[in-house]
Amino acid sequence: MQRQLPPLRDDGRFGWVTELWLRLFQFRMQESHQATMRIDGICGNQSWGWLAAFQPADAVLPLPGQRADEAPPRILRGAQGAAVRHLQRTLVAVNFSVLPELPDDGIFDMATELHLRAFQVQLRATVDQQLTANGICSQDTWRWLCGAIPPP
């Protein structure tokens, strides 16, 4: 499975990073194909079916209202709109945090920042020491949440 979800290391272990990417993959397939896929981090029959049909282009999904060749917006506390709602829905979908439930109201408030910081801290500690855990959703954070991002 790890060979199908870039940019994971093909080490044969189903660890935290693989589960995260599987949850993101399940979320992306649900969002982009209106599939009724469970977002559970378990690679069951339905996930295997989608993985078998996976194309590298599926790894890069633009944000709502964004062109595929456009860089994602940098968003931080106080921002509002579709990009914030997408961020909130993605953080909930990966079921990353043990923090209280995160609403998907499109308002980047303290709760959204805390969830995002927790996500960034875990990524920084385990796979990407260059990632800044500052609660700001920059291009580097979007790269993890939405797949590879084309250069500006």
C-alpha atoms as a PDB file:
ATOM      1  CA  MET A   1       0.000   0.000   0.000  1.00  0.00           C
ATOM      2  CA  GLN A   2       2.780   2.478   0.781  1.00  0.00           C
ATOM      3  CA  ARG A   3       3.920   2.467  -2.855  1.00  0.00           C
ATOM      4  CA  GLN A   4       0.515   3.864  -3.841  1.00  0.00           C
ATOM      5  CA  LEU A   5       0.504   6.890  -1.528  1.00  0.00           C
ATOM      6  CA  PRO A   6       3.327   9.315  -2.287  1.00  0.00           C
ATOM      7  CA  PRO A   7       5.619  10.435  -0.636  1.00  0.00           C
ATOM      8  CA  LEU A   8       5.812   7.641   1.948  1.00  0.00           C
ATOM      9  CA  ARG A   9       8.914   5.556   2.520  1.00  0.00           C
ATOM     10  CA  ASP A  10       8.450   1.984   1.327  1.00  0.00           C
ATOM     11  CA  ASP A  11       9.580   0.363   4.563  1.00  0.00           C
ATOM     12  CA  GLY A  12       6.853  -2.289   4.833  1.00  0.00           C
ATOM     13  CA  ARG A  13       5.541  -0.940   8.163  1.00  0.00           C
ATOM     14  CA  PHE A  14       1.979   0.253   8.730  1.00  0.00           C
ATOM     15  CA  GLY A  15       2.801   2.979  11.201  1.00  0.00           C
ATOM     16  CA  TRP A  16       1.365   6.344  12.152  1.00  0.00           C
ATOM     17  CA  VAL A  17       2.386   8.052   8.891  1.00  0.00           C
ATOM     18  CA  THR A  18       0.906   5.306   6.717  1.00  0.00           C
ATOM     19  CA  GLU A  19      -2.366   5.465   8.654  1.00  0.00           C
ATOM     20  CA  LEU A  20      -2.421   9.253   8.292  1.00  0.00           C
ATOM     21  CA  TRP A  21      -1.914   9.017   4.539  1.00  0.00           C
ATOM     22  CA  LEU A  22      -4.536   6.308   4.230  1.00  0.00           C
ATOM     23  CA  ARG A  23      -7.053   8.493   6.090  1.00  0.00           C
ATOM     24  CA  LEU A  24      -6.145  11.438   3.837  1.00  0.00           C
ATOM     25  CA  PHE A  25      -6.494   9.200   0.779  1.00  0.00           C
ATOM     26  CA  GLN A  26      -9.903   7.995   1.950  1.00  0.00           C
ATOM     27  CA  PHE A  27     -10.973  11.581   2.616  1.00  0.00           C
ATOM     28  CA  ARG A  28      -9.758  12.747  -0.815  1.00  0.00           C
ATOM     29  CA  MET A  29     -11.560   9.936  -2.601  1.00  0.00           C
ATOM     30  CA  GLN A  30     -14.738  10.719  -0.671  1.00  0.00           C
ATOM     31  CA  GLU A  31     -14.432  14.432  -1.483  1.00  0.00           C
ATOM     32  CA  SER A  32     -13.391  14.154  -5.127  1.00  0.00           C
ATOM     33  CA  HIS A  33     -15.534  11.210  -6.182  1.00  0.00           C
ATOM     34  CA  GLN A  34     -18.468  11.615  -3.801  1.00  0.00           C
ATOM     35  CA  ALA A  35     -17.703   8.069  -2.679  1.00  0.00           C
ATOM     36  CA  THR A  36     -19.296   6.700   0.461  1.00  0.00           C
ATOM     37  CA  MET A  37     -15.941   5.583   1.797  1.00  0.00           C
ATOM     38  CA  ARG A  38     -15.328   5.143   5.505  1.00  0.00           C
ATOM     39  CA  ILE A  39     -12.503   7.321   6.747  1.00  0.00           C
ATOM     40  CA  ASP A  40     -11.103   4.926   9.306  1.00  0.00           C
ATOM     41  CA  GLY A  41      -7.429   4.376   8.443  1.00  0.00           C
ATOM     42  CA  ILE A  42      -8.141   0.695   7.727  1.00  0.00           C
ATOM     43  CA  CYS A  43      -7.245  -0.619   4.294  1.00  0.00           C
ATOM     44  CA  GLY A  44     -10.281  -2.803   3.668  1.00  0.00           C
ATOM     45  CA  ASN A  45     -11.807  -3.969   0.385  1.00  0.00           C
ATOM     46  CA  GLN A  46     -13.182  -0.560  -0.561  1.00  0.00           C
ATOM     47  CA  SER A  47      -9.873   1.221   0.061  1.00  0.00           C
ATOM     48  CA  TRP A  48      -7.955  -1.448  -1.841  1.00  0.00           C
ATOM     49  CA  GLY A  49     -10.347  -1.000  -4.770  1.00  0.00           C
ATOM     50  CA  TRP A  50      -9.723   2.739  -4.872  1.00  0.00           C
ATOM     51  CA  LEU A  51      -5.971   2.227  -4.448  1.00  0.00           C
ATOM     52  CA  ALA A  52      -5.914  -0.175  -7.403  1.00  0.00           C
ATOM     53  CA  ALA A  53      -7.476   2.545  -9.587  1.00  0.00           C
ATOM     54  CA  PHE A  54      -5.344   5.329  -8.081  1.00  0.00           C
ATOM     55  CA  GLN A  55      -3.611   7.663 -10.524  1.00  0.00           C
ATOM     56  CA  PRO A  56      -0.824  10.054  -9.474  1.00  0.00           C
ATOM     57  CA  ALA A  57      -2.984  12.981 -10.619  1.00  0.00           C
ATOM     58  CA  ASP A  58      -5.486  12.003  -7.897  1.00  0.00           C
ATOM     59  CA  ALA A  59      -2.857  12.900  -5.285  1.00  0.00           C
ATOM     60  CA  VAL A  60      -3.143  16.597  -6.071  1.00  0.00           C
ATOM     61  CA  LEU A  61      -6.588  17.946  -5.374  1.00  0.00           C
ATOM     62  CA  PRO A  62      -7.149  21.669  -5.522  1.00  0.00           C
ATOM     63  CA  LEU A  63      -8.972  23.345  -2.690  1.00  0.00           C
ATOM     64  CA  PRO A  64     -12.586  24.352  -3.273  1.00  0.00           C
ATOM     65  CA  GLY A  65     -12.687  27.252  -5.728  1.00  0.00           C
ATOM     66  CA  GLN A  66      -9.010  26.879  -6.641  1.00  0.00           C
ATOM     67  CA  ARG A  67      -7.442  26.019 -10.004  1.00  0.00           C
ATOM     68  CA  ALA A  68      -5.246  22.908 -10.014  1.00  0.00           C
ATOM     69  CA  ASP A  69      -2.144  24.943 -10.950  1.00  0.00           C
ATOM     70  CA  GLU A  70      -2.711  27.544  -8.225  1.00  0.00           C
ATOM     71  CA  ALA A  71      -0.745  27.549  -4.964  1.00  0.00           C
ATOM     72  CA  PRO A  72      -2.972  27.138  -1.890  1.00  0.00           C
ATOM     73  CA  PRO A  73      -3.650  30.158   0.285  1.00  0.00           C
ATOM     74  CA  ARG A  74      -1.732  30.786   3.504  1.00  0.00           C
ATOM     75  CA  ILE A  75      -4.381  30.884   6.213  1.00  0.00           C
ATOM     76  CA  LEU A  76      -4.206  31.673   9.886  1.00  0.00           C
ATOM     77  CA  ARG A  77      -6.411  32.618  12.809  1.00  0.00           C
ATOM     78  CA  GLY A  78      -9.040  35.137  11.749  1.00  0.00           C
ATOM     79  CA  ALA A  79      -9.398  33.788   8.203  1.00  0.00           C
ATOM     80  CA  GLN A  80     -12.795  32.621   6.974  1.00  0.00           C
ATOM     81  CA  GLY A  81     -14.171  30.773   3.983  1.00  0.00           C
ATOM     82  CA  ALA A  82     -13.989  27.624   1.903  1.00  0.00           C
ATOM     83  CA  ALA A  83     -10.257  27.001   2.410  1.00  0.00           C
ATOM     84  CA  VAL A  84     -10.712  27.137   6.190  1.00  0.00           C
ATOM     85  CA  ARG A  85     -13.714  24.806   6.004  1.00  0.00           C
ATOM     86  CA  HIS A  86     -11.655  22.389   3.887  1.00  0.00           C
ATOM     87  CA  LEU A  87      -8.820  22.526   6.428  1.00  0.00           C
ATOM     88  CA  GLN A  88     -11.251  21.825   9.283  1.00  0.00           C
ATOM     89  CA  ARG A  89     -12.889  18.924   7.435  1.00  0.00           C
ATOM     90  CA  THR A  90      -9.481  17.428   6.592  1.00  0.00           C
ATOM     91  CA  LEU A  91      -8.255  17.651  10.196  1.00  0.00           C
ATOM     92  CA  VAL A  92     -11.464  15.971  11.372  1.00  0.00           C
ATOM     93  CA  ALA A  93     -11.196  13.309   8.649  1.00  0.00           C
ATOM     94  CA  VAL A  94      -7.712  12.253   9.659  1.00  0.00           C
ATOM     95  CA  ASN A  95      -9.027  12.012  13.226  1.00  0.00           C
ATOM     96  CA  PHE A  96      -5.652  13.262  14.267  1.00  0.00           C
ATOM     97  CA  SER A  97      -6.228  14.985  17.541  1.00  0.00           C
ATOM     98  CA  VAL A  98      -7.603  14.063  20.929  1.00  0.00           C
ATOM     99  CA  LEU A  99      -8.668  17.678  21.258  1.00  0.00           C
ATOM    100  CA  PRO A 100     -12.381  18.505  21.489  1.00  0.00           C
ATOM    101  CA  GLU A 101     -14.425  18.217  18.308  1.00  0.00           C
ATOM    102  CA  LEU A 102     -13.636  20.720  15.592  1.00  0.00           C
ATOM    103  CA  PRO A 103     -16.602  22.388  13.866  1.00  0.00           C
ATOM    104  CA  ASP A 104     -16.464  22.873  10.106  1.00  0.00           C
ATOM    105  CA  ASP A 105     -17.834  26.389  10.163  1.00  0.00           C
ATOM    106  CA  GLY A 106     -15.185  27.992   7.919  1.00  0.00           C
ATOM    107  CA  ILE A 107     -13.866  30.214  10.724  1.00  0.00           C
ATOM    108  CA  PHE A 108     -10.203  29.844  11.658  1.00  0.00           C
ATOM    109  CA  ASP A 109     -10.494  30.311  15.407  1.00  0.00           C
ATOM    110  CA  MET A 110      -8.446  29.118  18.386  1.00  0.00           C
ATOM    111  CA  ALA A 111      -9.859  25.574  18.140  1.00  0.00           C
ATOM    112  CA  THR A 112      -8.804  25.289  14.495  1.00  0.00           C
ATOM    113  CA  GLU A 113      -5.358  26.640  15.350  1.00  0.00           C
ATOM    114  CA  LEU A 114      -4.944  24.132  18.198  1.00  0.00           C
ATOM    115  CA  HIS A 115      -5.925  21.198  15.975  1.00  0.00           C
ATOM    116  CA  LEU A 116      -3.589  22.403  13.249  1.00  0.00           C
ATOM    117  CA  ARG A 117      -0.699  22.892  15.694  1.00  0.00           C
ATOM    118  CA  ALA A 118      -1.200  19.385  17.079  1.00  0.00           C
ATOM    119  CA  PHE A 119      -1.101  18.001  13.528  1.00  0.00           C
ATOM    120  CA  GLN A 120       2.053  19.986  12.725  1.00  0.00           C
ATOM    121  CA  VAL A 121       3.804  18.987  15.976  1.00  0.00           C
ATOM    122  CA  GLN A 122       3.208  15.285  15.305  1.00  0.00           C
ATOM    123  CA  LEU A 123       4.426  15.559  11.713  1.00  0.00           C
ATOM    124  CA  ARG A 124       7.481  17.517  12.795  1.00  0.00           C
ATOM    125  CA  ALA A 125       8.327  14.942  15.464  1.00  0.00           C
ATOM    126  CA  THR A 126       7.924  11.927  13.201  1.00  0.00           C
ATOM    127  CA  VAL A 127       8.546  12.692   9.536  1.00  0.00           C
ATOM    128  CA  ASP A 128       9.248  16.317   8.630  1.00  0.00           C
ATOM    129  CA  GLN A 129      11.663  18.147  10.908  1.00  0.00           C
ATOM    130  CA  GLN A 130      11.518  21.161   8.559  1.00  0.00           C
ATOM    131  CA  LEU A 131       7.793  21.723   9.131  1.00  0.00           C
ATOM    132  CA  THR A 132       7.054  24.706  11.347  1.00  0.00           C
ATOM    133  CA  ALA A 133       4.475  23.931  14.031  1.00  0.00           C
ATOM    134  CA  ASN A 134       3.045  27.436  14.260  1.00  0.00           C
ATOM    135  CA  GLY A 135      -0.692  26.951  13.724  1.00  0.00           C
ATOM    136  CA  ILE A 136      -0.525  28.649  10.318  1.00  0.00           C
ATOM    137  CA  CYS A 137      -1.599  26.625   7.317  1.00  0.00           C
ATOM    138  CA  SER A 138       1.178  27.478   4.874  1.00  0.00           C
ATOM    139  CA  GLN A 139       2.153  25.785   1.628  1.00  0.00           C
ATOM    140  CA  ASP A 140       4.238  23.237   3.565  1.00  0.00           C
ATOM    141  CA  THR A 141       1.257  22.211   5.683  1.00  0.00           C
ATOM    142  CA  TRP A 142      -1.055  22.069   2.657  1.00  0.00           C
ATOM    143  CA  ARG A 143       1.539  19.820   0.988  1.00  0.00           C
ATOM    144  CA  TRP A 144       0.927  17.276   3.761  1.00  0.00           C
ATOM    145  CA  LEU A 145      -2.834  17.753   3.803  1.00  0.00           C
ATOM    146  CA  CYS A 146      -3.518  17.818   0.058  1.00  0.00           C
ATOM    147  CA  GLY A 147      -0.655  15.921  -1.533  1.00  0.00           C
ATOM    148  CA  ALA A 148       2.120  17.332  -3.679  1.00  0.00           C
ATOM    149  CA  ILE A 149       1.650  20.998  -4.550  1.00  0.00           C
ATOM    150  CA  PRO A 150       2.884  22.366  -7.864  1.00  0.00           C
ATOM    151  CA  PRO A 151       5.489  25.138  -7.537  1.00  0.00           C
ATOM    152  CA  PRO A 152       4.205  28.723  -7.836  1.00  0.00           C
END
